[in-house]
């Protein structure tokens, strides 16, 4: 059974990985996510490599369909739509953490 995993820096998604056995499909989210992560790290004063790297994590794997490429595309598209520029700006202000409501 295929599983989909989202890779995060703190609470900002960065990459989608879909895996079944030895097969996998990966999608890096658009550049605006990378920029948001970098800006969040600076805002949180995480300037050295070790401080930055320790905040990467993988979300819990979720079962998905067997078309790995389609599942990776669908999740990447979903995350891109859910995280508007305005929402990412709020994450940046919160140092990459989920903003308080």
C-alpha atoms as a PDB file:
ATOM      1  CA  UNK A   1       0.000   0.000   0.000  1.00  0.00           C
ATOM      2  CA  UNK A   2       1.345   3.419  -0.969  1.00  0.00           C
ATOM      3  CA  UNK A   3       1.857   6.083   1.674  1.00  0.00           C
ATOM      4  CA  UNK A   4       2.208   9.818   1.317  1.00  0.00           C
ATOM      5  CA  UNK A   5       4.441  11.840   3.635  1.00  0.00           C
ATOM      6  CA  UNK A   6       4.900  15.596   3.817  1.00  0.00           C
ATOM      7  CA  UNK A   7       8.289  16.975   4.865  1.00  0.00           C
ATOM      8  CA  UNK A   8       8.108  20.148   6.960  1.00  0.00           C
ATOM      9  CA  UNK A   9      10.439  22.778   8.323  1.00  0.00           C
ATOM     10  CA  UNK A  10       8.742  23.502  11.617  1.00  0.00           C
ATOM     11  CA  UNK A  11       5.124  23.736  10.379  1.00  0.00           C
ATOM     12  CA  UNK A  12       5.766  24.889   6.807  1.00  0.00           C
ATOM     13  CA  UNK A  13       5.514  22.117   4.192  1.00  0.00           C
ATOM     14  CA  UNK A  14       8.458  21.798   1.811  1.00  0.00           C
ATOM     15  CA  UNK A  15       8.200  18.470   0.001  1.00  0.00           C
ATOM     16  CA  UNK A  16       5.815  15.604  -0.718  1.00  0.00           C
ATOM     17  CA  UNK A  17       7.051  12.003  -0.828  1.00  0.00           C
ATOM     18  CA  UNK A  18       4.875   9.107  -1.957  1.00  0.00           C
ATOM     19  CA  UNK A  19       6.344   5.654  -1.447  1.00  0.00           C
ATOM     20  CA  UNK A  20       5.355   2.071  -2.077  1.00  0.00           C
ATOM     21  CA  UNK A  21       8.060  -0.495  -1.483  1.00  0.00           C
ATOM     22  CA  UNK A  22      11.142   0.682  -3.370  1.00  0.00           C
ATOM     23  CA  UNK A  23       9.197   2.966  -5.716  1.00  0.00           C
ATOM     24  CA  UNK A  24       8.670   6.609  -4.871  1.00  0.00           C
ATOM     25  CA  UNK A  25       7.608   9.956  -6.278  1.00  0.00           C
ATOM     26  CA  UNK A  26       8.753  13.280  -4.844  1.00  0.00           C
ATOM     27  CA  UNK A  27       7.580  16.825  -5.348  1.00  0.00           C
ATOM     28  CA  UNK A  28       9.347  19.883  -3.994  1.00  0.00           C
ATOM     29  CA  UNK A  29       6.823  22.630  -3.320  1.00  0.00           C
ATOM     30  CA  UNK A  30       7.141  25.942  -5.211  1.00  0.00           C
ATOM     31  CA  UNK A  31      10.017  28.310  -4.448  1.00  0.00           C
ATOM     32  CA  UNK A  32       7.804  30.561  -2.313  1.00  0.00           C
ATOM     33  CA  UNK A  33       7.760  27.800   0.343  1.00  0.00           C
ATOM     34  CA  UNK A  34      11.571  27.690   0.389  1.00  0.00           C
ATOM     35  CA  UNK A  35      11.691  31.470   0.715  1.00  0.00           C
ATOM     36  CA  UNK A  36       9.139  31.359   3.549  1.00  0.00           C
ATOM     37  CA  UNK A  37      11.240  28.746   5.353  1.00  0.00           C
ATOM     38  CA  UNK A  38      14.407  30.833   4.987  1.00  0.00           C
ATOM     39  CA  UNK A  39      12.634  33.996   6.162  1.00  0.00           C
ATOM     40  CA  UNK A  40      11.090  32.110   9.096  1.00  0.00           C
ATOM     41  CA  UNK A  41      14.491  30.795  10.157  1.00  0.00           C
ATOM     42  CA  UNK A  42      15.906  34.315  10.109  1.00  0.00           C
ATOM     43  CA  UNK A  43      12.887  35.642  12.027  1.00  0.00           C
ATOM     44  CA  UNK A  44      13.382  32.900  14.639  1.00  0.00           C
ATOM     45  CA  UNK A  45      17.120  33.762  14.781  1.00  0.00           C
ATOM     46  CA  UNK A  46      18.108  30.254  13.660  1.00  0.00           C
ATOM     47  CA  UNK A  47      21.158  31.304  11.684  1.00  0.00           C
ATOM     48  CA  UNK A  48      23.588  28.422  12.181  1.00  0.00           C
ATOM     49  CA  UNK A  49      23.250  25.201  10.212  1.00  0.00           C
ATOM     50  CA  UNK A  50      22.575  22.897  13.157  1.00  0.00           C
ATOM     51  CA  UNK A  51      19.793  25.094  14.534  1.00  0.00           C
ATOM     52  CA  UNK A  52      18.194  25.245  11.097  1.00  0.00           C
ATOM     53  CA  UNK A  53      18.493  21.518  10.354  1.00  0.00           C
ATOM     54  CA  UNK A  54      17.067  20.310  13.655  1.00  0.00           C
ATOM     55  CA  UNK A  55      13.646  21.728  12.758  1.00  0.00           C
ATOM     56  CA  UNK A  56      13.068  19.509   9.701  1.00  0.00           C
ATOM     57  CA  UNK A  57      10.538  16.723  10.257  1.00  0.00           C
ATOM     58  CA  UNK A  58       8.311  14.293   8.424  1.00  0.00           C
ATOM     59  CA  UNK A  59       4.569  14.246   8.948  1.00  0.00           C
ATOM     60  CA  UNK A  60       2.782  10.990   9.679  1.00  0.00           C
ATOM     61  CA  UNK A  61       2.461   8.781   6.577  1.00  0.00           C
ATOM     62  CA  UNK A  62      -1.059   8.597   5.141  1.00  0.00           C
ATOM     63  CA  UNK A  63      -2.355   5.765   2.961  1.00  0.00           C
ATOM     64  CA  UNK A  64      -3.043   6.800  -0.618  1.00  0.00           C
ATOM     65  CA  UNK A  65      -3.741   5.410  -4.078  1.00  0.00           C
ATOM     66  CA  UNK A  66      -1.267   3.367  -6.087  1.00  0.00           C
ATOM     67  CA  UNK A  67      -0.491   5.973  -8.776  1.00  0.00           C
ATOM     68  CA  UNK A  68       2.486   7.504  -6.995  1.00  0.00           C
ATOM     69  CA  UNK A  69       3.048  10.333  -9.483  1.00  0.00           C
ATOM     70  CA  UNK A  70      -0.623  11.386  -9.453  1.00  0.00           C
ATOM     71  CA  UNK A  71      -0.785  11.255  -5.645  1.00  0.00           C
ATOM     72  CA  UNK A  72       2.377  13.365  -5.324  1.00  0.00           C
ATOM     73  CA  UNK A  73       1.017  15.904  -7.812  1.00  0.00           C
ATOM     74  CA  UNK A  74      -2.355  16.048  -6.053  1.00  0.00           C
ATOM     75  CA  UNK A  75      -0.876  16.623  -2.587  1.00  0.00           C
ATOM     76  CA  UNK A  76       1.594  19.231  -3.851  1.00  0.00           C
ATOM     77  CA  UNK A  77      -1.247  21.064  -5.604  1.00  0.00           C
ATOM     78  CA  UNK A  78      -3.408  20.866  -2.465  1.00  0.00           C
ATOM     79  CA  UNK A  79      -0.677  22.286  -0.219  1.00  0.00           C
ATOM     80  CA  UNK A  80       0.121  25.030  -2.725  1.00  0.00           C
ATOM     81  CA  UNK A  81      -3.554  26.053  -2.718  1.00  0.00           C
ATOM     82  CA  UNK A  82      -3.936  25.841   1.085  1.00  0.00           C
ATOM     83  CA  UNK A  83      -0.857  27.959   1.832  1.00  0.00           C
ATOM     84  CA  UNK A  84      -1.569  31.289   0.164  1.00  0.00           C
ATOM     85  CA  UNK A  85       1.048  34.043   0.253  1.00  0.00           C
ATOM     86  CA  UNK A  86      -0.904  35.663   3.094  1.00  0.00           C
ATOM     87  CA  UNK A  87      -0.925  32.456   5.134  1.00  0.00           C
ATOM     88  CA  UNK A  88       2.796  31.905   4.530  1.00  0.00           C
ATOM     89  CA  UNK A  89       3.441  35.489   5.676  1.00  0.00           C
ATOM     90  CA  UNK A  90       1.709  34.650   8.972  1.00  0.00           C
ATOM     91  CA  UNK A  91       3.897  31.554   9.363  1.00  0.00           C
ATOM     92  CA  UNK A  92       6.985  33.694   8.727  1.00  0.00           C
ATOM     93  CA  UNK A  93       5.933  36.124  11.487  1.00  0.00           C
ATOM     94  CA  UNK A  94       5.505  33.114  13.803  1.00  0.00           C
ATOM     95  CA  UNK A  95       9.004  31.816  13.011  1.00  0.00           C
ATOM     96  CA  UNK A  96       7.686  28.949  10.893  1.00  0.00           C
ATOM     97  CA  UNK A  97       5.223  27.714  13.485  1.00  0.00           C
ATOM     98  CA  UNK A  98       1.468  27.535  13.027  1.00  0.00           C
ATOM     99  CA  UNK A  99       0.204  31.066  13.726  1.00  0.00           C
ATOM    100  CA  UNK A 100      -2.152  31.550  16.639  1.00  0.00           C
ATOM    101  CA  UNK A 101      -5.713  32.246  15.540  1.00  0.00           C
END
